[in-house]
């Protein structure tokens, strides 16, 4: 129970800090439309995580298929 309370408190504190940070920074509505937005490490990590997840799912599916094949054909 203490761990659950800790995580809820941590999430709330991070949310409050983020909301306060949004209020302090001015928003630039104009901006330069020719500025390119770089795809940095965050997107790369998401792609890598997706590939790893898919590989794990495929491995698990093959493993279950092999076990069924061995059980059915002694």
PDB file of N, CA and C in Angstrom:
ATOM      1  N   UNK A   1       0.824  -1.195   0.000  1.00  0.00           N
ATOM      2  CA  UNK A   1       0.000   0.000   0.000  1.00  0.00           C
ATOM      3  C   UNK A   1       0.866   1.256   0.000  1.00  0.00           C
ATOM      4  N   UNK A   2       1.984   1.201   0.730  1.00  0.00           N
ATOM      5  CA  UNK A   2       2.857   2.363   0.782  1.00  0.00           C
ATOM      6  C   UNK A   2       3.471   2.643  -0.585  1.00  0.00           C
ATOM      7  N   UNK A   3       3.808   1.585  -1.310  1.00  0.00           N
ATOM      8  CA  UNK A   3       4.410   1.754  -2.628  1.00  0.00           C
ATOM      9  C   UNK A   3       3.412   2.391  -3.605  1.00  0.00           C
ATOM     10  N   UNK A   4       2.163   1.965  -3.513  1.00  0.00           N
ATOM     11  CA  UNK A   4       1.116   2.531  -4.377  1.00  0.00           C
ATOM     12  C   UNK A   4       0.936   4.024  -4.089  1.00  0.00           C
ATOM     13  N   UNK A   5       0.915   4.380  -2.819  1.00  0.00           N
ATOM     14  CA  UNK A   5       0.778   5.784  -2.424  1.00  0.00           C
ATOM     15  C   UNK A   5       1.973   6.596  -2.896  1.00  0.00           C
ATOM     16  N   UNK A   6       3.159   6.001  -2.803  1.00  0.00           N
ATOM     17  CA  UNK A   6       4.369   6.683  -3.262  1.00  0.00           C
ATOM     18  C   UNK A   6       4.291   6.999  -4.750  1.00  0.00           C
ATOM     19  N   UNK A   7       3.902   6.010  -5.560  1.00  0.00           N
ATOM     20  CA  UNK A   7       3.838   6.225  -7.003  1.00  0.00           C
ATOM     21  C   UNK A   7       2.759   7.239  -7.380  1.00  0.00           C
ATOM     22  N   UNK A   8       1.628   7.206  -6.705  1.00  0.00           N
ATOM     23  CA  UNK A   8       0.579   8.189  -6.985  1.00  0.00           C
ATOM     24  C   UNK A   8       1.065   9.594  -6.651  1.00  0.00           C
ATOM     25  N   UNK A   9       1.738   9.723  -5.516  1.00  0.00           N
ATOM     26  CA  UNK A   9       2.285  11.025  -5.126  1.00  0.00           C
ATOM     27  C   UNK A   9       3.330  11.498  -6.120  1.00  0.00           C
ATOM     28  N   UNK A  10       4.194  10.593  -6.564  1.00  0.00           N
ATOM     29  CA  UNK A  10       5.235  10.944  -7.531  1.00  0.00           C
ATOM     30  C   UNK A  10       4.626  11.418  -8.847  1.00  0.00           C
ATOM     31  N   UNK A  11       3.613  10.720  -9.320  1.00  0.00           N
ATOM     32  CA  UNK A  11       2.965  11.105 -10.577  1.00  0.00           C
ATOM     33  C   UNK A  11       2.281  12.463 -10.444  1.00  0.00           C
ATOM     34  N   UNK A  12       1.614  12.692  -9.333  1.00  0.00           N
ATOM     35  CA  UNK A  12       0.959  13.980  -9.123  1.00  0.00           C
ATOM     36  C   UNK A  12       1.972  15.121  -9.057  1.00  0.00           C
ATOM     37  N   UNK A  13       3.085  14.892  -8.377  1.00  0.00           N
ATOM     38  CA  UNK A  13       4.103  15.942  -8.270  1.00  0.00           C
ATOM     39  C   UNK A  13       4.708  16.260  -9.637  1.00  0.00           C
ATOM     40  N   UNK A  14       4.954  15.229 -10.437  1.00  0.00           N
ATOM     41  CA  UNK A  14       5.495  15.453 -11.785  1.00  0.00           C
ATOM     42  C   UNK A  14       4.481  16.211 -12.649  1.00  0.00           C
ATOM     43  N   UNK A  15       3.218  15.861 -12.520  1.00  0.00           N
ATOM     44  CA  UNK A  15       2.170  16.548 -13.284  1.00  0.00           C
ATOM     45  C   UNK A  15       2.052  18.008 -12.907  1.00  0.00           C
ATOM     46  N   UNK A  16       2.132  18.288 -11.622  1.00  0.00           N
ATOM     47  CA  UNK A  16       2.051  19.674 -11.158  1.00  0.00           C
ATOM     48  C   UNK A  16       3.259  20.464 -11.639  1.00  0.00           C
ATOM     49  N   UNK A  17       4.450  19.870 -11.556  1.00  0.00           N
ATOM     50  CA  UNK A  17       5.663  20.554 -12.009  1.00  0.00           C
ATOM     51  C   UNK A  17       5.590  20.825 -13.510  1.00  0.00           C
ATOM     52  N   UNK A  18       5.069  19.872 -14.272  1.00  0.00           N
ATOM     53  CA  UNK A  18       4.952  20.051 -15.714  1.00  0.00           C
ATOM     54  C   UNK A  18       3.944  21.163 -16.036  1.00  0.00           C
ATOM     55  N   UNK A  19       2.832  21.196 -15.326  1.00  0.00           N
ATOM     56  CA  UNK A  19       1.814  22.218 -15.570  1.00  0.00           C
ATOM     57  C   UNK A  19       2.343  23.612 -15.240  1.00  0.00           C
ATOM     58  N   UNK A  20       3.112  23.735 -14.184  1.00  0.00           N
ATOM     59  CA  UNK A  20       3.688  25.026 -13.832  1.00  0.00           C
ATOM     60  C   UNK A  20       4.711  25.456 -14.868  1.00  0.00           C
ATOM     61  N   UNK A  21       5.459  24.511 -15.413  1.00  0.00           N
ATOM     62  CA  UNK A  21       6.451  24.827 -16.426  1.00  0.00           C
ATOM     63  C   UNK A  21       5.783  25.325 -17.704  1.00  0.00           C
ATOM     64  N   UNK A  22       4.619  24.787 -18.027  1.00  0.00           N
ATOM     65  CA  UNK A  22       3.899  25.225 -19.215  1.00  0.00           C
ATOM     66  C   UNK A  22       3.431  26.672 -19.085  1.00  0.00           C
ATOM     67  N   UNK A  23       3.072  27.098 -17.895  1.00  0.00           N
ATOM     68  CA  UNK A  23       2.578  28.445 -17.688  1.00  0.00           C
ATOM     69  C   UNK A  23       3.691  29.476 -17.769  1.00  0.00           C
ATOM     70  N   UNK A  24       4.911  29.103 -17.447  1.00  0.00           N
ATOM     71  CA  UNK A  24       6.027  30.044 -17.407  1.00  0.00           C
ATOM     72  C   UNK A  24       6.543  30.348 -18.809  1.00  0.00           C
ATOM     73  N   UNK A  25       6.560  29.344 -19.686  1.00  0.00           N
ATOM     74  CA  UNK A  25       7.139  29.525 -21.011  1.00  0.00           C
ATOM     75  C   UNK A  25       6.146  30.212 -21.945  1.00  0.00           C
ATOM     76  N   UNK A  26       6.575  31.276 -22.619  1.00  0.00           N
ATOM     77  CA  UNK A  26       5.692  31.922 -23.589  1.00  0.00           C
ATOM     78  C   UNK A  26       5.561  31.074 -24.855  1.00  0.00           C
ATOM     79  N   UNK A  27       4.425  31.169 -25.489  1.00  0.00           N
ATOM     80  CA  UNK A  27       4.164  30.410 -26.703  1.00  0.00           C
ATOM     81  C   UNK A  27       4.405  31.313 -27.902  1.00  0.00           C
ATOM     82  N   UNK A  28       5.152  30.809 -28.885  1.00  0.00           N
ATOM     83  CA  UNK A  28       5.435  31.562 -30.101  1.00  0.00           C
ATOM     84  C   UNK A  28       4.473  31.091 -31.188  1.00  0.00           C
ATOM     85  N   UNK A  29       3.384  31.831 -31.452  1.00  0.00           N
ATOM     86  CA  UNK A  29       2.407  31.366 -32.427  1.00  0.00           C
ATOM     87  C   UNK A  29       2.886  31.469 -33.872  1.00  0.00           C
ATOM     88  N   UNK A  30       3.839  32.370 -34.133  1.00  0.00           N
ATOM     89  CA  UNK A  30       4.300  32.564 -35.502  1.00  0.00           C
ATOM     90  C   UNK A  30       5.151  31.410 -35.973  1.00  0.00           C
ATOM     91  N   UNK A  31       6.329  31.304 -35.448  1.00  0.00           N
ATOM     92  CA  UNK A  31       7.232  30.219 -35.817  1.00  0.00           C
ATOM     93  C   UNK A  31       7.647  30.286 -37.275  1.00  0.00           C
ATOM     94  N   UNK A  32       8.674  29.583 -37.612  1.00  0.00           N
ATOM     95  CA  UNK A  32       9.162  29.516 -38.981  1.00  0.00           C
ATOM     96  C   UNK A  32       8.653  28.223 -39.608  1.00  0.00           C
ATOM     97  N   UNK A  33       7.799  28.292 -40.629  1.00  0.00           N
ATOM     98  CA  UNK A  33       7.237  27.070 -41.205  1.00  0.00           C
ATOM     99  C   UNK A  33       8.267  26.220 -41.943  1.00  0.00           C
ATOM    100  N   UNK A  34       9.419  26.791 -42.283  1.00  0.00           N
ATOM    101  CA  UNK A  34      10.443  26.039 -42.998  1.00  0.00           C
ATOM    102  C   UNK A  34      11.372  25.266 -42.063  1.00  0.00           C
ATOM    103  N   UNK A  35      11.198  25.438 -40.771  1.00  0.00           N
ATOM    104  CA  UNK A  35      12.049  24.742 -39.817  1.00  0.00           C
ATOM    105  C   UNK A  35      11.660  23.270 -39.753  1.00  0.00           C
ATOM    106  N   UNK A  36      12.651  22.395 -39.941  1.00  0.00           N
ATOM    107  CA  UNK A  36      12.391  20.964 -39.882  1.00  0.00           C
ATOM    108  C   UNK A  36      12.486  20.486 -38.440  1.00  0.00           C
ATOM    109  N   UNK A  37      11.628  19.554 -38.092  1.00  0.00           N
ATOM    110  CA  UNK A  37      11.643  18.981 -36.752  1.00  0.00           C
ATOM    111  C   UNK A  37      12.437  17.683 -36.810  1.00  0.00           C
ATOM    112  N   UNK A  38      13.505  17.587 -36.016  1.00  0.00           N
ATOM    113  CA  UNK A  38      14.323  16.367 -36.077  1.00  0.00           C
ATOM    114  C   UNK A  38      13.620  15.195 -35.383  1.00  0.00           C
ATOM    115  N   UNK A  39      13.831  14.015 -35.941  1.00  0.00           N
ATOM    116  CA  UNK A  39      13.357  12.798 -35.287  1.00  0.00           C
ATOM    117  C   UNK A  39      14.539  12.291 -34.478  1.00  0.00           C
ATOM    118  N   UNK A  40      14.438  12.436 -33.180  1.00  0.00           N
ATOM    119  CA  UNK A  40      15.581  12.116 -32.340  1.00  0.00           C
ATOM    120  C   UNK A  40      15.422  10.749 -31.679  1.00  0.00           C
ATOM    121  N   UNK A  41      16.133  10.538 -30.604  1.00  0.00           N
ATOM    122  CA  UNK A  41      16.203   9.246 -29.938  1.00  0.00           C
ATOM    123  C   UNK A  41      14.887   8.713 -29.439  1.00  0.00           C
ATOM    124  N   UNK A  42      13.934   9.560 -29.123  1.00  0.00           N
ATOM    125  CA  UNK A  42      12.661   9.076 -28.595  1.00  0.00           C
ATOM    126  C   UNK A  42      11.916   8.201 -29.588  1.00  0.00           C
ATOM    127  N   UNK A  43      11.840   8.651 -30.821  1.00  0.00           N
ATOM    128  CA  UNK A  43      11.145   7.872 -31.846  1.00  0.00           C
ATOM    129  C   UNK A  43      11.933   6.603 -32.145  1.00  0.00           C
ATOM    130  N   UNK A  44      13.260   6.720 -32.165  1.00  0.00           N
ATOM    131  CA  UNK A  44      14.103   5.546 -32.394  1.00  0.00           C
ATOM    132  C   UNK A  44      13.911   4.494 -31.314  1.00  0.00           C
ATOM    133  N   UNK A  45      13.789   4.950 -30.066  1.00  0.00           N
ATOM    134  CA  UNK A  45      13.559   4.006 -28.976  1.00  0.00           C
ATOM    135  C   UNK A  45      12.193   3.332 -29.099  1.00  0.00           C
ATOM    136  N   UNK A  46      11.185   4.078 -29.511  1.00  0.00           N
ATOM    137  CA  UNK A  46       9.869   3.480 -29.706  1.00  0.00           C
ATOM    138  C   UNK A  46       9.880   2.434 -30.822  1.00  0.00           C
ATOM    139  N   UNK A  47      10.583   2.730 -31.897  1.00  0.00           N
ATOM    140  CA  UNK A  47      10.687   1.770 -32.999  1.00  0.00           C
ATOM    141  C   UNK A  47      11.429   0.517 -32.536  1.00  0.00           C
ATOM    142  N   UNK A  48      12.540   0.713 -31.820  1.00  0.00           N
ATOM    143  CA  UNK A  48      13.308  -0.427 -31.318  1.00  0.00           C
ATOM    144  C   UNK A  48      12.476  -1.267 -30.352  1.00  0.00           C
ATOM    145  N   UNK A  49      11.708  -0.620 -29.490  1.00  0.00           N
ATOM    146  CA  UNK A  49      10.858  -1.351 -28.557  1.00  0.00           C
ATOM    147  C   UNK A  49       9.786  -2.138 -29.304  1.00  0.00           C
ATOM    148  N   UNK A  50       9.225  -1.554 -30.348  1.00  0.00           N
ATOM    149  CA  UNK A  50       8.219  -2.259 -31.151  1.00  0.00           C
ATOM    150  C   UNK A  50       8.794  -3.472 -31.856  1.00  0.00           C
ATOM    151  N   UNK A  51       9.997  -3.338 -32.379  1.00  0.00           N
ATOM    152  CA  UNK A  51      10.653  -4.465 -33.045  1.00  0.00           C
ATOM    153  C   UNK A  51      10.963  -5.571 -32.033  1.00  0.00           C
ATOM    154  N   UNK A  52      11.474  -5.177 -30.868  1.00  0.00           N
ATOM    155  CA  UNK A  52      11.779  -6.171 -29.838  1.00  0.00           C
ATOM    156  C   UNK A  52      10.517  -6.882 -29.369  1.00  0.00           C
ATOM    157  N   UNK A  53       9.432  -6.139 -29.200  1.00  0.00           N
ATOM    158  CA  UNK A  53       8.164  -6.736 -28.772  1.00  0.00           C
ATOM    159  C   UNK A  53       7.646  -7.719 -29.824  1.00  0.00           C
ATOM    160  N   UNK A  54       7.709  -7.335 -31.088  1.00  0.00           N
ATOM    161  CA  UNK A  54       7.271  -8.224 -32.164  1.00  0.00           C
ATOM    162  C   UNK A  54       8.121  -9.481 -32.250  1.00  0.00           C
ATOM    163  N   UNK A  55       9.435  -9.332 -32.065  1.00  0.00           N
ATOM    164  CA  UNK A  55      10.321 -10.492 -32.095  1.00  0.00           C
ATOM    165  C   UNK A  55      10.015 -11.436 -30.936  1.00  0.00           C
ATOM    166  N   UNK A  56       9.734 -10.890 -29.777  1.00  0.00           N
ATOM    167  CA  UNK A  56       9.405 -11.727 -28.623  1.00  0.00           C
ATOM    168  C   UNK A  56       8.100 -12.474 -28.859  1.00  0.00           C
ATOM    169  N   UNK A  57       7.105 -11.779 -29.396  1.00  0.00           N
ATOM    170  CA  UNK A  57       5.823 -12.424 -29.670  1.00  0.00           C
ATOM    171  C   UNK A  57       5.987 -13.550 -30.695  1.00  0.00           C
ATOM    172  N   UNK A  58       6.792 -13.303 -31.747  1.00  0.00           N
ATOM    173  CA  UNK A  58       7.022 -14.330 -32.765  1.00  0.00           C
ATOM    174  C   UNK A  58       7.764 -15.522 -32.160  1.00  0.00           C
ATOM    175  N   UNK A  59       8.743 -15.256 -31.310  1.00  0.00           N
ATOM    176  CA  UNK A  59       9.495 -16.332 -30.659  1.00  0.00           C
ATOM    177  C   UNK A  59       8.587 -17.160 -29.767  1.00  0.00           C
ATOM    178  N   UNK A  60       7.744 -16.509 -28.992  1.00  0.00           N
ATOM    179  CA  UNK A  60       6.813 -17.221 -28.109  1.00  0.00           C
ATOM    180  C   UNK A  60       5.822 -18.070 -28.918  1.00  0.00           C
ATOM    181  N   UNK A  61       5.360 -17.534 -30.029  1.00  0.00           N
ATOM    182  CA  UNK A  61       4.401 -18.262 -30.849  1.00  0.00           C
ATOM    183  C   UNK A  61       5.044 -19.513 -31.449  1.00  0.00           C
ATOM    184  N   UNK A  62       6.292 -19.383 -31.930  1.00  0.00           N
ATOM    185  CA  UNK A  62       7.006 -20.539 -32.470  1.00  0.00           C
ATOM    186  C   UNK A  62       7.276 -21.578 -31.377  1.00  0.00           C
ATOM    187  N   UNK A  63       7.610 -21.111 -30.185  1.00  0.00           N
ATOM    188  CA  UNK A  63       7.891 -22.014 -29.079  1.00  0.00           C
ATOM    189  C   UNK A  63       6.651 -22.822 -28.709  1.00  0.00           C
ATOM    190  N   UNK A  64       5.507 -22.171 -28.636  1.00  0.00           N
ATOM    191  CA  UNK A  64       4.254 -22.869 -28.327  1.00  0.00           C
ATOM    192  C   UNK A  64       3.905 -23.846 -29.441  1.00  0.00           C
ATOM    193  N   UNK A  65       4.136 -23.443 -30.687  1.00  0.00           N
ATOM    194  CA  UNK A  65       3.849 -24.313 -31.817  1.00  0.00           C
ATOM    195  C   UNK A  65       4.724 -25.569 -31.770  1.00  0.00           C
ATOM    196  N   UNK A  66       5.999 -25.413 -31.449  1.00  0.00           N
ATOM    197  CA  UNK A  66       6.904 -26.565 -31.343  1.00  0.00           C
ATOM    198  C   UNK A  66       6.472 -27.489 -30.211  1.00  0.00           C
ATOM    199  N   UNK A  67       6.085 -26.904 -29.065  1.00  0.00           N
ATOM    200  CA  UNK A  67       5.666 -27.734 -27.932  1.00  0.00           C
ATOM    201  C   UNK A  67       4.406 -28.520 -28.270  1.00  0.00           C
ATOM    202  N   UNK A  68       3.464 -27.933 -28.981  1.00  0.00           N
ATOM    203  CA  UNK A  68       2.262 -28.656 -29.390  1.00  0.00           C
ATOM    204  C   UNK A  68       2.609 -29.778 -30.355  1.00  0.00           C
ATOM    205  N   UNK A  69       3.553 -29.511 -31.259  1.00  0.00           N
ATOM    206  CA  UNK A  69       3.960 -30.502 -32.243  1.00  0.00           C
ATOM    207  C   UNK A  69       4.626 -31.693 -31.546  1.00  0.00           C
ATOM    208  N   UNK A  70       5.464 -31.442 -30.549  1.00  0.00           N
ATOM    209  CA  UNK A  70       6.147 -32.506 -29.830  1.00  0.00           C
ATOM    210  C   UNK A  70       5.151 -33.312 -29.006  1.00  0.00           C
ATOM    211  N   UNK A  71       4.177 -32.677 -28.390  1.00  0.00           N
ATOM    212  CA  UNK A  71       3.186 -33.364 -27.571  1.00  0.00           C
ATOM    213  C   UNK A  71       2.283 -34.234 -28.452  1.00  0.00           C
ATOM    214  N   UNK A  72       1.908 -33.756 -29.616  1.00  0.00           N
ATOM    215  CA  UNK A  72       1.019 -34.491 -30.501  1.00  0.00           C
ATOM    216  C   UNK A  72       1.724 -35.640 -31.209  1.00  0.00           C
ATOM    217  N   UNK A  73       3.007 -35.528 -31.455  1.00  0.00           N
ATOM    218  CA  UNK A  73       3.779 -36.549 -32.169  1.00  0.00           C
ATOM    219  C   UNK A  73       4.903 -37.076 -31.268  1.00  0.00           C
ATOM    220  N   UNK A  74       4.592 -38.021 -30.395  1.00  0.00           N
ATOM    221  CA  UNK A  74       5.642 -38.526 -29.481  1.00  0.00           C
ATOM    222  C   UNK A  74       6.657 -39.403 -30.171  1.00  0.00           C
TER     223      UNK A  74
END
